[in-house]
Amino acid sequence: MAMPSRSKNVLIVNPYSTHNQTMFAFNSTGVSVKSGTHQKKEMFPFDQVFPPGTTQETVFQDVCKDVIVDAVDHGRSATIIAFGCSGTGKTFAITGGAKRFSDR
C-alpha cells in the first residue's frame, strides 16, 4: 500500500483574530497578511482554513480521525503536529477529547 505523498496543512483562525481585519483576511484555502511599513499583502496557502467558531469536533473529524484510523488499520506511523497557544484545543482536536484512553 502506498503512503500518502504529502502532508496536509490546515489553519484554525482564532476568534480574537477577527477583531483586526485590517491586518489579515482569510478564506477557505488561505490567509493574507499585511506586513511591513508599506503594508504589502502576503498570501499563505493552506489545504483548509477553519473559520472562527469551528468546533474542535469538526477539526478532529475533518483532519485527524482518518489519519489515525488509517495508521491503526494498516500498521503505519502517522504524525499530527498542532501548534498554538495553551488552552486553545490542540489536544482535543487531535484526540477527540476523550478523558480516558478507553473512551477513544
N, C-alpha and C. Protein backbone atom coordinates (compact mmCIF):
# COMPACT_ATOMS: atom_id res chain seq x y z
N MET A 1 0.83 -1.19 0.00
CA MET A 1 0.00 0.00 0.00
C MET A 1 0.88 1.25 0.00
N ALA A 2 0.46 2.21 -0.77
CA ALA A 2 1.24 3.43 -0.89
C ALA A 2 0.98 4.37 0.28
N MET A 3 2.03 5.01 0.70
CA MET A 3 1.91 6.02 1.76
C MET A 3 1.41 7.32 1.13
N PRO A 4 0.70 8.14 1.89
CA PRO A 4 0.30 9.44 1.36
C PRO A 4 1.53 10.22 0.91
N SER A 5 1.39 10.95 -0.19
CA SER A 5 2.55 11.58 -0.81
C SER A 5 2.93 12.93 -0.20
N ARG A 6 2.04 13.53 0.56
CA ARG A 6 2.38 14.84 1.13
C ARG A 6 1.57 15.10 2.38
N SER A 7 1.98 16.12 3.07
CA SER A 7 1.27 16.49 4.29
C SER A 7 0.06 17.35 3.95
N LYS A 8 -0.80 17.52 4.93
CA LYS A 8 -1.96 18.39 4.80
C LYS A 8 -1.77 19.54 5.77
N ASN A 9 -1.89 20.74 5.28
CA ASN A 9 -1.69 21.93 6.11
C ASN A 9 -3.02 22.64 6.31
N VAL A 10 -3.41 22.74 7.58
CA VAL A 10 -4.68 23.42 7.89
C VAL A 10 -4.43 24.51 8.91
N LEU A 11 -5.37 25.44 8.99
CA LEU A 11 -5.28 26.56 9.92
C LEU A 11 -6.62 26.74 10.59
N ILE A 12 -6.61 26.96 11.88
CA ILE A 12 -7.81 27.31 12.62
C ILE A 12 -7.66 28.78 13.01
N VAL A 13 -8.55 29.63 12.51
CA VAL A 13 -8.47 31.05 12.80
C VAL A 13 -9.01 31.30 14.20
N ASN A 14 -8.20 31.94 15.03
CA ASN A 14 -8.58 32.27 16.39
C ASN A 14 -9.71 33.29 16.37
N PRO A 15 -10.75 33.09 17.17
CA PRO A 15 -11.86 34.06 17.18
C PRO A 15 -11.43 35.49 17.47
N TYR A 16 -10.41 35.66 18.28
CA TYR A 16 -9.94 37.00 18.60
C TYR A 16 -9.27 37.68 17.42
N SER A 17 -8.80 36.89 16.47
CA SER A 17 -8.12 37.44 15.31
C SER A 17 -9.05 38.25 14.41
N THR A 18 -10.33 38.00 14.46
CA THR A 18 -11.25 38.71 13.58
C THR A 18 -11.43 40.17 13.96
N HIS A 19 -10.95 40.56 15.13
CA HIS A 19 -11.05 41.96 15.54
C HIS A 19 -10.12 42.86 14.73
N ASN A 20 -9.12 42.28 14.11
CA ASN A 20 -8.15 43.09 13.38
C ASN A 20 -8.19 42.74 11.90
N GLN A 21 -9.32 42.91 11.26
CA GLN A 21 -9.49 42.57 9.86
C GLN A 21 -8.62 43.42 8.93
N THR A 22 -8.15 44.58 9.40
CA THR A 22 -7.32 45.41 8.53
C THR A 22 -5.94 44.79 8.31
N MET A 23 -5.50 43.91 9.19
CA MET A 23 -4.17 43.30 9.05
C MET A 23 -4.20 41.97 8.31
N PHE A 24 -5.30 41.25 8.39
CA PHE A 24 -5.36 39.99 7.69
C PHE A 24 -6.79 39.64 7.28
N ALA A 25 -6.86 38.77 6.28
CA ALA A 25 -8.14 38.26 5.82
C ALA A 25 -7.95 36.79 5.50
N PHE A 26 -9.03 36.02 5.52
CA PHE A 26 -8.92 34.60 5.22
C PHE A 26 -10.11 34.13 4.41
N ASN A 27 -9.87 33.04 3.69
CA ASN A 27 -10.95 32.33 3.02
C ASN A 27 -10.73 30.84 3.27
N SER A 28 -11.40 29.97 2.55
CA SER A 28 -11.34 28.54 2.85
C SER A 28 -10.00 27.90 2.52
N THR A 29 -9.14 28.57 1.76
CA THR A 29 -7.86 27.97 1.38
C THR A 29 -6.64 28.83 1.63
N GLY A 30 -6.79 29.94 2.34
CA GLY A 30 -5.61 30.75 2.59
C GLY A 30 -5.86 31.94 3.50
N VAL A 31 -4.74 32.55 3.89
CA VAL A 31 -4.77 33.74 4.73
C VAL A 31 -3.86 34.77 4.09
N SER A 32 -4.33 36.00 3.99
CA SER A 32 -3.47 37.08 3.52
C SER A 32 -3.20 38.02 4.68
N VAL A 33 -1.95 38.44 4.77
CA VAL A 33 -1.50 39.26 5.89
C VAL A 33 -0.80 40.49 5.34
N LYS A 34 -1.16 41.66 5.89
CA LYS A 34 -0.44 42.89 5.55
C LYS A 34 0.76 42.98 6.47
N SER A 35 1.93 43.21 5.88
CA SER A 35 3.13 43.27 6.71
C SER A 35 4.05 44.38 6.24
N GLY A 36 4.93 44.79 7.14
CA GLY A 36 5.92 45.80 6.81
C GLY A 36 5.36 47.20 6.80
N THR A 37 6.25 48.15 6.59
CA THR A 37 5.85 49.55 6.62
C THR A 37 5.01 49.94 5.40
N HIS A 38 5.14 49.21 4.30
CA HIS A 38 4.38 49.52 3.09
C HIS A 38 3.07 48.74 3.01
N GLN A 39 2.76 47.98 4.08
CA GLN A 39 1.53 47.21 4.15
C GLN A 39 1.37 46.27 2.96
N LYS A 40 2.50 45.64 2.57
CA LYS A 40 2.47 44.67 1.50
C LYS A 40 1.63 43.46 1.94
N LYS A 41 0.75 43.01 1.07
CA LYS A 41 -0.11 41.88 1.40
C LYS A 41 0.55 40.59 0.92
N GLU A 42 0.70 39.64 1.83
CA GLU A 42 1.28 38.34 1.51
C GLU A 42 0.24 37.27 1.73
N MET A 43 0.18 36.30 0.80
CA MET A 43 -0.80 35.22 0.88
C MET A 43 -0.11 33.95 1.35
N PHE A 44 -0.73 33.25 2.31
CA PHE A 44 -0.23 31.98 2.80
C PHE A 44 -1.29 30.92 2.51
N PRO A 45 -0.98 29.99 1.60
CA PRO A 45 -1.98 28.98 1.23
C PRO A 45 -2.05 27.83 2.23
N PHE A 46 -3.24 27.27 2.40
CA PHE A 46 -3.48 26.10 3.24
C PHE A 46 -4.41 25.16 2.48
N ASP A 47 -4.37 23.89 2.85
CA ASP A 47 -5.31 22.95 2.26
C ASP A 47 -6.73 23.24 2.73
N GLN A 48 -6.84 23.75 3.95
CA GLN A 48 -8.15 24.08 4.52
C GLN A 48 -7.96 25.10 5.62
N VAL A 49 -8.85 26.07 5.68
CA VAL A 49 -8.86 27.07 6.74
C VAL A 49 -10.20 26.95 7.47
N PHE A 50 -10.14 26.73 8.77
CA PHE A 50 -11.34 26.65 9.60
C PHE A 50 -11.62 28.04 10.17
N PRO A 51 -12.82 28.58 9.93
CA PRO A 51 -13.13 29.93 10.43
C PRO A 51 -13.38 29.93 11.93
N PRO A 52 -13.41 31.13 12.54
CA PRO A 52 -13.75 31.21 13.96
C PRO A 52 -15.10 30.54 14.20
N GLY A 53 -15.22 29.89 15.33
CA GLY A 53 -16.47 29.22 15.66
C GLY A 53 -16.52 27.77 15.26
N THR A 54 -15.52 27.31 14.50
CA THR A 54 -15.47 25.89 14.13
C THR A 54 -15.25 25.08 15.39
N THR A 55 -16.02 24.02 15.57
CA THR A 55 -15.87 23.20 16.77
C THR A 55 -14.63 22.32 16.68
N GLN A 56 -14.11 21.98 17.84
CA GLN A 56 -12.96 21.08 17.88
C GLN A 56 -13.34 19.71 17.33
N GLU A 57 -14.57 19.31 17.53
CA GLU A 57 -15.06 18.05 16.98
C GLU A 57 -14.97 18.05 15.45
N THR A 58 -15.32 19.17 14.83
CA THR A 58 -15.23 19.29 13.38
C THR A 58 -13.78 19.16 12.91
N VAL A 59 -12.87 19.82 13.61
CA VAL A 59 -11.45 19.73 13.25
C VAL A 59 -10.97 18.29 13.38
N PHE A 60 -11.33 17.62 14.47
CA PHE A 60 -10.95 16.22 14.66
C PHE A 60 -11.48 15.36 13.52
N GLN A 61 -12.76 15.49 13.20
CA GLN A 61 -13.37 14.67 12.15
C GLN A 61 -12.76 14.95 10.78
N ASP A 62 -12.51 16.22 10.46
CA ASP A 62 -12.01 16.59 9.13
C ASP A 62 -10.52 16.38 8.94
N VAL A 63 -9.75 16.49 10.01
CA VAL A 63 -8.29 16.46 9.87
C VAL A 63 -7.65 15.21 10.46
N CYS A 64 -8.01 14.85 11.65
CA CYS A 64 -7.26 13.84 12.39
C CYS A 64 -7.81 12.42 12.33
N LYS A 65 -9.10 12.28 12.36
CA LYS A 65 -9.71 10.95 12.52
C LYS A 65 -9.24 9.97 11.44
N ASP A 66 -9.31 10.36 10.17
CA ASP A 66 -8.92 9.44 9.09
C ASP A 66 -7.44 9.08 9.15
N VAL A 67 -6.61 10.04 9.54
CA VAL A 67 -5.17 9.78 9.66
C VAL A 67 -4.92 8.73 10.73
N ILE A 68 -5.58 8.89 11.87
CA ILE A 68 -5.40 7.96 12.98
C ILE A 68 -5.95 6.58 12.64
N VAL A 69 -7.15 6.52 12.10
CA VAL A 69 -7.76 5.23 11.75
C VAL A 69 -6.93 4.52 10.69
N ASP A 70 -6.47 5.23 9.67
CA ASP A 70 -5.65 4.61 8.62
C ASP A 70 -4.34 4.07 9.18
N ALA A 71 -3.71 4.81 10.07
CA ALA A 71 -2.46 4.35 10.67
C ALA A 71 -2.67 3.07 11.47
N VAL A 72 -3.74 3.03 12.25
CA VAL A 72 -4.02 1.85 13.07
C VAL A 72 -4.41 0.66 12.18
N ASP A 73 -5.28 0.89 11.22
CA ASP A 73 -5.76 -0.19 10.34
C ASP A 73 -4.64 -0.82 9.51
N HIS A 74 -3.66 -0.02 9.12
CA HIS A 74 -2.61 -0.51 8.23
C HIS A 74 -1.25 -0.65 8.91
N GLY A 75 -1.20 -0.47 10.20
CA GLY A 75 0.05 -0.62 10.94
C GLY A 75 1.10 0.40 10.55
N ARG A 76 0.68 1.58 10.22
CA ARG A 76 1.59 2.64 9.79
C ARG A 76 1.82 3.63 10.91
N SER A 77 2.85 4.41 10.72
CA SER A 77 3.10 5.54 11.61
C SER A 77 2.42 6.77 11.02
N ALA A 78 2.03 7.67 11.88
CA ALA A 78 1.45 8.93 11.43
C ALA A 78 1.85 10.01 12.42
N THR A 79 2.00 11.21 11.93
CA THR A 79 2.35 12.34 12.79
C THR A 79 1.37 13.47 12.53
N ILE A 80 0.84 14.00 13.60
CA ILE A 80 0.00 15.19 13.53
C ILE A 80 0.66 16.22 14.44
N ILE A 81 1.00 17.35 13.87
CA ILE A 81 1.65 18.40 14.64
C ILE A 81 0.63 19.53 14.82
N ALA A 82 0.39 19.89 16.06
CA ALA A 82 -0.52 21.00 16.36
C ALA A 82 0.29 22.08 17.06
N PHE A 83 0.18 23.30 16.57
CA PHE A 83 0.94 24.42 17.12
C PHE A 83 -0.04 25.52 17.50
N GLY A 84 0.14 26.07 18.67
CA GLY A 84 -0.71 27.18 19.10
C GLY A 84 -0.57 27.44 20.57
N CYS A 85 -1.30 28.42 21.04
CA CYS A 85 -1.25 28.82 22.45
C CYS A 85 -1.86 27.76 23.36
N SER A 86 -1.45 27.78 24.62
CA SER A 86 -2.01 26.88 25.62
C SER A 86 -3.50 27.10 25.76
N GLY A 87 -4.22 25.99 25.91
CA GLY A 87 -5.65 26.07 26.16
C GLY A 87 -6.52 26.34 24.95
N THR A 88 -5.98 26.22 23.74
CA THR A 88 -6.75 26.53 22.54
C THR A 88 -7.37 25.31 21.87
N GLY A 89 -7.17 24.11 22.45
CA GLY A 89 -7.85 22.92 21.93
C GLY A 89 -7.03 22.01 21.05
N LYS A 90 -5.72 22.16 21.05
CA LYS A 90 -4.89 21.32 20.19
C LYS A 90 -5.05 19.84 20.52
N THR A 91 -4.91 19.49 21.78
CA THR A 91 -5.02 18.08 22.19
C THR A 91 -6.42 17.56 21.91
N PHE A 92 -7.43 18.33 22.20
CA PHE A 92 -8.80 17.92 21.95
C PHE A 92 -9.01 17.65 20.46
N ALA A 93 -8.51 18.54 19.61
CA ALA A 93 -8.69 18.37 18.17
C ALA A 93 -8.02 17.10 17.65
N ILE A 94 -6.90 16.73 18.24
CA ILE A 94 -6.18 15.55 17.78
C ILE A 94 -6.76 14.26 18.34
N THR A 95 -7.13 14.26 19.60
CA THR A 95 -7.57 13.02 20.24
C THR A 95 -9.08 12.84 20.25
N GLY A 96 -9.82 13.87 19.95
CA GLY A 96 -11.27 13.78 20.01
C GLY A 96 -11.82 14.15 21.37
N GLY A 97 -10.95 14.45 22.32
CA GLY A 97 -11.36 14.99 23.59
C GLY A 97 -11.73 14.01 24.67
N ALA A 98 -11.54 12.73 24.46
CA ALA A 98 -11.90 11.75 25.49
C ALA A 98 -11.05 11.95 26.74
N LYS A 99 -11.67 11.84 27.90
CA LYS A 99 -10.95 11.98 29.17
C LYS A 99 -10.14 10.73 29.48
N ARG A 100 -10.68 9.57 29.10
CA ARG A 100 -9.99 8.31 29.37
C ARG A 100 -9.55 7.68 28.04
N PHE A 101 -8.39 7.04 28.04
CA PHE A 101 -7.89 6.41 26.83
C PHE A 101 -8.89 5.38 26.30
N SER A 102 -9.57 4.67 27.20
CA SER A 102 -10.52 3.63 26.77
C SER A 102 -11.74 4.21 26.04
N ASP A 103 -12.00 5.51 26.19
CA ASP A 103 -13.13 6.15 25.52
C ASP A 103 -12.81 6.53 24.07
N ARG A 104 -11.56 6.47 23.71
CA ARG A 104 -11.16 6.91 22.36
C ARG A 104 -11.47 5.85 21.34
